[in-house]
C-alpha cells in the first residue's frame, strides 16, 4: 500500500492511464461512517455528485489528449485558461476520490508517529491543529475544501474554493495533500443542516490517520 501511494504521488485510488476517467468503488459500505456521516448523504454524495463530476469530465475531455492523463497529471495542467468544465469537474473527481480514502470506519482518534510529531511541532498540539483546521473549514465562504498539506516538507492548513485543490498551479498554496474535508453543503446538509462546525467535529471520528501518515511520510521523504 505504501509503495502504491508513493507511485501515485499522493493520488488516492487513482484510475491510472486510460481513455476515460472512472469512479472507483467506495472503500467501505455507504453506511460504514455512521453516525458521523450518514448513509443517505453518502449515497447521494458518492452516487450522484461524484458520479456527475466524472461523467462531465469525460464529456469535456472527449477526444482530447488530456483524457489519457492520470488524475494527478491532469491537476498539474490546470491554469486560469483551463475551461471551467475541466477545472471544476477534474477537481471534483480528484478531490472526492481523495476524500473517500481520507475516512474509514472505526478510525478517528489521533495520529501517531512522525505525523503526530510534526503536528505537535507545527501547531503546538493536536488540539491546536484541530482548531486551525476547523477554522479553515468553517471560514471558507460558500463551497470549498479544507486541507492539511505538506509544503517544503512542512505542514500547513489551508483551504480552496469550489473544487480547486493544492495540486493545481493556480491555487494560493500548492503542496502535497495529507488530509481533506469537503465543506460543500451537499457533504453535510442532510444531517447537520447549516451547522458546519458540528460536521467538522464529526469528521474527526472517521479520519483515516494511517493513510494520512503514509501520505505525510511520502511527502517529506
C-alpha atoms as a PDB file:
ATOM      1  CA  UNK A   1       0.000   0.000   0.000  1.00  0.00           C
ATOM      2  CA  UNK A   2       2.800   2.385   0.879  1.00  0.00           C
ATOM      3  CA  UNK A   3       4.569   1.675  -2.405  1.00  0.00           C
ATOM      4  CA  UNK A   4       1.337   2.372  -4.263  1.00  0.00           C
ATOM      5  CA  UNK A   5       0.933   5.723  -2.506  1.00  0.00           C
ATOM      6  CA  UNK A   6       4.466   6.725  -3.442  1.00  0.00           C
ATOM      7  CA  UNK A   7       3.978   5.680  -7.052  1.00  0.00           C
ATOM      8  CA  UNK A   8       0.747   7.603  -7.442  1.00  0.00           C
ATOM      9  CA  UNK A   9       2.229  10.761  -5.936  1.00  0.00           C
ATOM     10  CA  UNK A  10      -0.407  11.234  -3.301  1.00  0.00           C
ATOM     11  CA  UNK A  11      -3.358  10.316  -5.521  1.00  0.00           C
ATOM     12  CA  UNK A  12      -5.820   8.191  -3.572  1.00  0.00           C
ATOM     13  CA  UNK A  13      -7.219   5.357  -5.658  1.00  0.00           C
ATOM     14  CA  UNK A  14      -6.002   6.846  -8.955  1.00  0.00           C
ATOM     15  CA  UNK A  15      -7.612   5.334 -12.038  1.00  0.00           C
ATOM     16  CA  UNK A  16      -4.348   5.341 -13.960  1.00  0.00           C
ATOM     17  CA  UNK A  17      -3.845   5.940 -17.673  1.00  0.00           C
ATOM     18  CA  UNK A  18      -6.970   5.145 -19.625  1.00  0.00           C
ATOM     19  CA  UNK A  19      -9.126   6.563 -22.376  1.00  0.00           C
ATOM     20  CA  UNK A  20     -11.697   7.712 -19.846  1.00  0.00           C
ATOM     21  CA  UNK A  21     -11.740   8.692 -16.198  1.00  0.00           C
ATOM     22  CA  UNK A  22     -13.745   6.390 -13.950  1.00  0.00           C
ATOM     23  CA  UNK A  23     -15.156   6.389 -10.448  1.00  0.00           C
ATOM     24  CA  UNK A  24     -13.514   3.866  -8.148  1.00  0.00           C
ATOM     25  CA  UNK A  25     -15.751   1.942  -5.719  1.00  0.00           C
ATOM     26  CA  UNK A  26     -16.052   3.309  -2.218  1.00  0.00           C
ATOM     27  CA  UNK A  27     -13.518   1.617   0.083  1.00  0.00           C
ATOM     28  CA  UNK A  28     -16.318   0.874   2.585  1.00  0.00           C
ATOM     29  CA  UNK A  29     -20.093   0.497   2.700  1.00  0.00           C
ATOM     30  CA  UNK A  30     -22.239   3.629   2.355  1.00  0.00           C
ATOM     31  CA  UNK A  31     -23.409   3.282   5.966  1.00  0.00           C
ATOM     32  CA  UNK A  32     -19.972   2.476   7.389  1.00  0.00           C
ATOM     33  CA  UNK A  33     -19.274   6.009   8.606  1.00  0.00           C
ATOM     34  CA  UNK A  34     -22.485   6.304  10.621  1.00  0.00           C
ATOM     35  CA  UNK A  35     -23.315   8.239  12.702  1.00  0.00           C
ATOM     36  CA  UNK A  36     -20.732  10.885  11.770  1.00  0.00           C
ATOM     37  CA  UNK A  37     -21.505  10.705   8.047  1.00  0.00           C
ATOM     38  CA  UNK A  38     -24.991   9.370   7.397  1.00  0.00           C
ATOM     39  CA  UNK A  39     -25.912   6.743   4.834  1.00  0.00           C
ATOM     40  CA  UNK A  40     -28.217   8.925   2.731  1.00  0.00           C
ATOM     41  CA  UNK A  41     -25.604  11.652   2.414  1.00  0.00           C
ATOM     42  CA  UNK A  42     -23.027   9.096   1.306  1.00  0.00           C
ATOM     43  CA  UNK A  43     -25.405   7.589  -1.242  1.00  0.00           C
ATOM     44  CA  UNK A  44     -26.161  10.986  -2.769  1.00  0.00           C
ATOM     45  CA  UNK A  45     -22.677  12.427  -2.396  1.00  0.00           C
ATOM     46  CA  UNK A  46     -20.864   9.466  -3.933  1.00  0.00           C
ATOM     47  CA  UNK A  47     -23.579   8.092  -6.193  1.00  0.00           C
ATOM     48  CA  UNK A  48     -24.774  11.385  -7.696  1.00  0.00           C
ATOM     49  CA  UNK A  49     -22.396  14.262  -7.067  1.00  0.00           C
ATOM     50  CA  UNK A  50     -19.099  12.436  -7.579  1.00  0.00           C
ATOM     51  CA  UNK A  51     -20.518  10.464 -10.500  1.00  0.00           C
ATOM     52  CA  UNK A  52     -21.640  13.703 -12.151  1.00  0.00           C
ATOM     53  CA  UNK A  53     -18.119  15.123 -11.907  1.00  0.00           C
ATOM     54  CA  UNK A  54     -16.696  12.038 -13.610  1.00  0.00           C
ATOM     55  CA  UNK A  55     -19.350  11.975 -16.332  1.00  0.00           C
ATOM     56  CA  UNK A  56     -18.979  15.676 -17.070  1.00  0.00           C
ATOM     57  CA  UNK A  57     -15.188  15.474 -17.054  1.00  0.00           C
ATOM     58  CA  UNK A  58     -15.275  12.701 -19.630  1.00  0.00           C
ATOM     59  CA  UNK A  59     -17.585  14.783 -21.802  1.00  0.00           C
ATOM     60  CA  UNK A  60     -15.349  17.822 -21.513  1.00  0.00           C
ATOM     61  CA  UNK A  61     -12.191  15.907 -22.447  1.00  0.00           C
ATOM     62  CA  UNK A  62     -13.622  13.534 -25.066  1.00  0.00           C
ATOM     63  CA  UNK A  63     -11.176  13.257 -27.950  1.00  0.00           C
ATOM     64  CA  UNK A  64      -8.580  15.499 -26.309  1.00  0.00           C
ATOM     65  CA  UNK A  65      -5.071  14.388 -25.283  1.00  0.00           C
ATOM     66  CA  UNK A  66      -5.785  15.226 -21.634  1.00  0.00           C
ATOM     67  CA  UNK A  67      -8.295  12.399 -21.337  1.00  0.00           C
ATOM     68  CA  UNK A  68      -5.369   9.957 -21.183  1.00  0.00           C
ATOM     69  CA  UNK A  69      -3.713  11.671 -18.243  1.00  0.00           C
ATOM     70  CA  UNK A  70      -3.884  10.365 -14.700  1.00  0.00           C
ATOM     71  CA  UNK A  71      -5.960  12.491 -12.315  1.00  0.00           C
ATOM     72  CA  UNK A  72      -2.725  13.763 -10.714  1.00  0.00           C
ATOM     73  CA  UNK A  73      -1.241  14.765 -14.056  1.00  0.00           C
ATOM     74  CA  UNK A  74      -4.461  16.477 -15.087  1.00  0.00           C
ATOM     75  CA  UNK A  75      -4.435  18.588 -11.923  1.00  0.00           C
ATOM     76  CA  UNK A  76      -0.923  19.786 -12.771  1.00  0.00           C
ATOM     77  CA  UNK A  77      -2.177  21.189 -16.089  1.00  0.00           C
ATOM     78  CA  UNK A  78      -4.860  23.428 -14.592  1.00  0.00           C
ATOM     79  CA  UNK A  79      -4.363  27.144 -15.343  1.00  0.00           C
ATOM     80  CA  UNK A  80      -6.605  30.182 -15.434  1.00  0.00           C
ATOM     81  CA  UNK A  81      -7.153  29.432 -19.115  1.00  0.00           C
ATOM     82  CA  UNK A  82      -8.379  25.889 -18.456  1.00  0.00           C
ATOM     83  CA  UNK A  83     -12.047  25.531 -19.418  1.00  0.00           C
ATOM     84  CA  UNK A  84     -14.258  25.631 -16.298  1.00  0.00           C
ATOM     85  CA  UNK A  85     -15.742  22.237 -17.205  1.00  0.00           C
ATOM     86  CA  UNK A  86     -12.285  20.673 -16.922  1.00  0.00           C
ATOM     87  CA  UNK A  87     -11.128  22.625 -13.875  1.00  0.00           C
ATOM     88  CA  UNK A  88     -14.331  22.114 -11.880  1.00  0.00           C
ATOM     89  CA  UNK A  89     -15.118  18.523 -12.849  1.00  0.00           C
ATOM     90  CA  UNK A  90     -11.499  17.392 -12.845  1.00  0.00           C
ATOM     91  CA  UNK A  91     -11.009  18.885  -9.418  1.00  0.00           C
ATOM     92  CA  UNK A  92     -14.304  17.450  -8.252  1.00  0.00           C
ATOM     93  CA  UNK A  93     -13.239  13.966  -9.315  1.00  0.00           C
ATOM     94  CA  UNK A  94      -9.766  14.195  -7.763  1.00  0.00           C
ATOM     95  CA  UNK A  95     -10.970  15.801  -4.529  1.00  0.00           C
ATOM     96  CA  UNK A  96     -13.748  13.310  -3.906  1.00  0.00           C
ATOM     97  CA  UNK A  97     -11.538  10.317  -4.642  1.00  0.00           C
ATOM     98  CA  UNK A  98      -9.055  11.675  -2.125  1.00  0.00           C
ATOM     99  CA  UNK A  99     -11.789  12.470   0.398  1.00  0.00           C
ATOM    100  CA  UNK A 100     -13.339   8.986   0.426  1.00  0.00           C
ATOM    101  CA  UNK A 101      -9.950   7.474   1.234  1.00  0.00           C
ATOM    102  CA  UNK A 102      -9.314  10.089   3.925  1.00  0.00           C
ATOM    103  CA  UNK A 103     -12.014   8.408   6.012  1.00  0.00           C
ATOM    104  CA  UNK A 104     -12.533   4.894   7.303  1.00  0.00           C
ATOM    105  CA  UNK A 105     -14.898   3.092   9.679  1.00  0.00           C
ATOM    106  CA  UNK A 106     -13.909   2.910  13.335  1.00  0.00           C
ATOM    107  CA  UNK A 107     -10.954   5.224  12.850  1.00  0.00           C
ATOM    108  CA  UNK A 108     -10.685   8.715  14.257  1.00  0.00           C
ATOM    109  CA  UNK A 109      -8.624   9.211  17.367  1.00  0.00           C
ATOM    110  CA  UNK A 110      -5.284  10.915  16.839  1.00  0.00           C
ATOM    111  CA  UNK A 111      -2.294  10.489  14.532  1.00  0.00           C
ATOM    112  CA  UNK A 112       0.805   8.651  15.632  1.00  0.00           C
ATOM    113  CA  UNK A 113       4.460   8.584  14.741  1.00  0.00           C
ATOM    114  CA  UNK A 114       6.103  11.176  12.506  1.00  0.00           C
ATOM    115  CA  UNK A 115       2.836  12.876  11.573  1.00  0.00           C
ATOM    116  CA  UNK A 116       1.877  13.315  15.219  1.00  0.00           C
ATOM    117  CA  UNK A 117       5.310  14.766  15.976  1.00  0.00           C
ATOM    118  CA  UNK A 118       5.035  17.159  13.024  1.00  0.00           C
ATOM    119  CA  UNK A 119       1.564  18.307  14.075  1.00  0.00           C
ATOM    120  CA  UNK A 120       2.717  18.982  17.626  1.00  0.00           C
ATOM    121  CA  UNK A 121       5.810  20.802  16.390  1.00  0.00           C
ATOM    122  CA  UNK A 122       3.944  22.918  13.848  1.00  0.00           C
ATOM    123  CA  UNK A 123       0.747  23.739  15.717  1.00  0.00           C
ATOM    124  CA  UNK A 124       1.782  23.292  19.331  1.00  0.00           C
ATOM    125  CA  UNK A 125      -0.629  20.429  19.991  1.00  0.00           C
ATOM    126  CA  UNK A 126      -3.143  18.180  18.289  1.00  0.00           C
ATOM    127  CA  UNK A 127      -5.934  20.241  19.826  1.00  0.00           C
ATOM    128  CA  UNK A 128      -4.483  23.410  18.319  1.00  0.00           C
ATOM    129  CA  UNK A 129      -4.235  21.745  14.935  1.00  0.00           C
ATOM    130  CA  UNK A 130      -7.891  20.725  15.067  1.00  0.00           C
ATOM    131  CA  UNK A 131      -8.882  24.289  15.841  1.00  0.00           C
ATOM    132  CA  UNK A 132      -6.801  25.600  12.938  1.00  0.00           C
ATOM    133  CA  UNK A 133      -8.309  23.045  10.582  1.00  0.00           C
ATOM    134  CA  UNK A 134     -11.806  23.792  11.849  1.00  0.00           C
ATOM    135  CA  UNK A 135     -11.219  27.497  11.260  1.00  0.00           C
ATOM    136  CA  UNK A 136     -10.149  26.816   7.661  1.00  0.00           C
ATOM    137  CA  UNK A 137     -13.248  24.683   7.115  1.00  0.00           C
ATOM    138  CA  UNK A 138     -15.777  26.994   8.722  1.00  0.00           C
ATOM    139  CA  UNK A 139     -14.469  30.298   7.375  1.00  0.00           C
ATOM    140  CA  UNK A 140     -14.317  29.135   3.762  1.00  0.00           C
ATOM    141  CA  UNK A 141     -17.121  31.237   2.333  1.00  0.00           C
ATOM    142  CA  UNK A 142     -19.549  29.287   0.185  1.00  0.00           C
ATOM    143  CA  UNK A 143     -18.311  25.953  -1.143  1.00  0.00           C
ATOM    144  CA  UNK A 144     -14.824  24.544  -0.966  1.00  0.00           C
ATOM    145  CA  UNK A 145     -12.357  22.359   0.904  1.00  0.00           C
ATOM    146  CA  UNK A 146     -10.109  22.428   3.962  1.00  0.00           C
ATOM    147  CA  UNK A 147      -6.664  20.807   3.635  1.00  0.00           C
ATOM    148  CA  UNK A 148      -3.746  19.645   5.701  1.00  0.00           C
ATOM    149  CA  UNK A 149      -0.791  19.602   3.332  1.00  0.00           C
ATOM    150  CA  UNK A 150       2.966  19.456   3.140  1.00  0.00           C
ATOM    151  CA  UNK A 151       4.820  22.355   1.531  1.00  0.00           C
ATOM    152  CA  UNK A 152       8.612  22.420   1.589  1.00  0.00           C
ATOM    153  CA  UNK A 153       8.456  19.447   3.976  1.00  0.00           C
ATOM    154  CA  UNK A 154       6.418  21.447   6.477  1.00  0.00           C
ATOM    155  CA  UNK A 155       2.767  21.047   7.445  1.00  0.00           C
ATOM    156  CA  UNK A 156       0.243  23.753   6.634  1.00  0.00           C
ATOM    157  CA  UNK A 157      -3.516  24.140   6.930  1.00  0.00           C
ATOM    158  CA  UNK A 158      -5.237  25.878   4.055  1.00  0.00           C
ATOM    159  CA  UNK A 159      -8.480  25.938   2.106  1.00  0.00           C
ATOM    160  CA  UNK A 160      -9.524  26.190  -1.525  1.00  0.00           C
ATOM    161  CA  UNK A 161     -12.725  27.397  -3.185  1.00  0.00           C
ATOM    162  CA  UNK A 162     -15.098  25.267  -5.215  1.00  0.00           C
ATOM    163  CA  UNK A 163     -13.278  22.147  -6.499  1.00  0.00           C
ATOM    164  CA  UNK A 164      -9.747  23.531  -6.552  1.00  0.00           C
ATOM    165  CA  UNK A 165      -7.027  21.575  -4.756  1.00  0.00           C
ATOM    166  CA  UNK A 166      -3.378  22.024  -3.716  1.00  0.00           C
ATOM    167  CA  UNK A 167      -2.051  20.165  -6.764  1.00  0.00           C
ATOM    168  CA  UNK A 168      -3.285  22.896  -9.097  1.00  0.00           C
ATOM    169  CA  UNK A 169      -0.683  25.526 -10.025  1.00  0.00           C
ATOM    170  CA  UNK A 170      -3.320  28.277  -9.755  1.00  0.00           C
ATOM    171  CA  UNK A 171      -4.123  27.919  -6.044  1.00  0.00           C
ATOM    172  CA  UNK A 172      -2.766  30.230  -3.373  1.00  0.00           C
ATOM    173  CA  UNK A 173      -0.828  27.460  -1.593  1.00  0.00           C
ATOM    174  CA  UNK A 174       0.432  24.441  -3.525  1.00  0.00           C
ATOM    175  CA  UNK A 175       1.545  21.324  -1.726  1.00  0.00           C
ATOM    176  CA  UNK A 176       1.088  17.614  -1.156  1.00  0.00           C
ATOM    177  CA  UNK A 177      -2.306  16.903   0.442  1.00  0.00           C
ATOM    178  CA  UNK A 178      -2.350  14.805   3.606  1.00  0.00           C
ATOM    179  CA  UNK A 179      -5.970  15.294   4.695  1.00  0.00           C
ATOM    180  CA  UNK A 180      -9.036  16.949   3.186  1.00  0.00           C
ATOM    181  CA  UNK A 181     -12.557  17.869   4.235  1.00  0.00           C
ATOM    182  CA  UNK A 182     -15.343  18.667   1.777  1.00  0.00           C
ATOM    183  CA  UNK A 183     -17.291  21.691   3.024  1.00  0.00           C
ATOM    184  CA  UNK A 184     -19.772  21.926   0.175  1.00  0.00           C
ATOM    185  CA  UNK A 185     -23.268  21.880   1.666  1.00  0.00           C
ATOM    186  CA  UNK A 186     -24.132  18.643  -0.140  1.00  0.00           C
ATOM    187  CA  UNK A 187     -21.491  16.944   2.020  1.00  0.00           C
ATOM    188  CA  UNK A 188     -23.278  17.602   5.291  1.00  0.00           C
ATOM    189  CA  UNK A 189     -26.625  19.405   4.964  1.00  0.00           C
ATOM    190  CA  UNK A 190     -28.940  16.397   5.307  1.00  0.00           C
ATOM    191  CA  UNK A 191     -27.564  15.579   8.745  1.00  0.00           C
ATOM    192  CA  UNK A 192     -26.084  18.823  10.045  1.00  0.00           C
ATOM    193  CA  UNK A 193     -28.157  21.445   8.179  1.00  0.00           C
ATOM    194  CA  UNK A 194     -26.303  24.764   8.468  1.00  0.00           C
ATOM    195  CA  UNK A 195     -24.151  23.605  11.409  1.00  0.00           C
ATOM    196  CA  UNK A 196     -20.861  23.233   9.575  1.00  0.00           C
ATOM    197  CA  UNK A 197     -18.812  23.292  12.824  1.00  0.00           C
ATOM    198  CA  UNK A 198     -20.699  20.189  14.029  1.00  0.00           C
ATOM    199  CA  UNK A 199     -19.902  18.442  10.755  1.00  0.00           C
ATOM    200  CA  UNK A 200     -16.220  19.227  11.247  1.00  0.00           C
ATOM    201  CA  UNK A 201     -16.362  17.756  14.750  1.00  0.00           C
ATOM    202  CA  UNK A 202     -17.982  14.609  13.374  1.00  0.00           C
ATOM    203  CA  UNK A 203     -15.243  14.264  10.782  1.00  0.00           C
ATOM    204  CA  UNK A 204     -12.610  13.644  13.471  1.00  0.00           C
ATOM    205  CA  UNK A 205     -14.417  10.402  14.362  1.00  0.00           C
ATOM    206  CA  UNK A 206     -13.765   8.868  10.946  1.00  0.00           C
ATOM    207  CA  UNK A 207     -10.377  10.251   9.870  1.00  0.00           C
ATOM    208  CA  UNK A 208      -8.084   7.565   8.494  1.00  0.00           C
ATOM    209  CA  UNK A 209      -4.906   8.630  10.249  1.00  0.00           C
ATOM    210  CA  UNK A 210      -2.985   5.600   8.984  1.00  0.00           C
ATOM    211  CA  UNK A 211      -3.425   6.813   5.426  1.00  0.00           C
ATOM    212  CA  UNK A 212      -2.680  10.412   6.380  1.00  0.00           C
ATOM    213  CA  UNK A 213       0.548   9.236   7.989  1.00  0.00           C
ATOM    214  CA  UNK A 214       1.566   7.354   4.848  1.00  0.00           C
ATOM    215  CA  UNK A 215       0.920  10.437   2.739  1.00  0.00           C
ATOM    216  CA  UNK A 216       2.891  12.620   5.119  1.00  0.00           C
ATOM    217  CA  UNK A 217       5.829  10.227   5.181  1.00  0.00           C
ATOM    218  CA  UNK A 218       5.865  10.084   1.383  1.00  0.00           C
ATOM    219  CA  UNK A 219       5.730  13.864   1.079  1.00  0.00           C
ATOM    220  CA  UNK A 220       8.672  14.563   3.399  1.00  0.00           C
ATOM    221  CA  UNK A 221      10.888  11.723   2.244  1.00  0.00           C
END
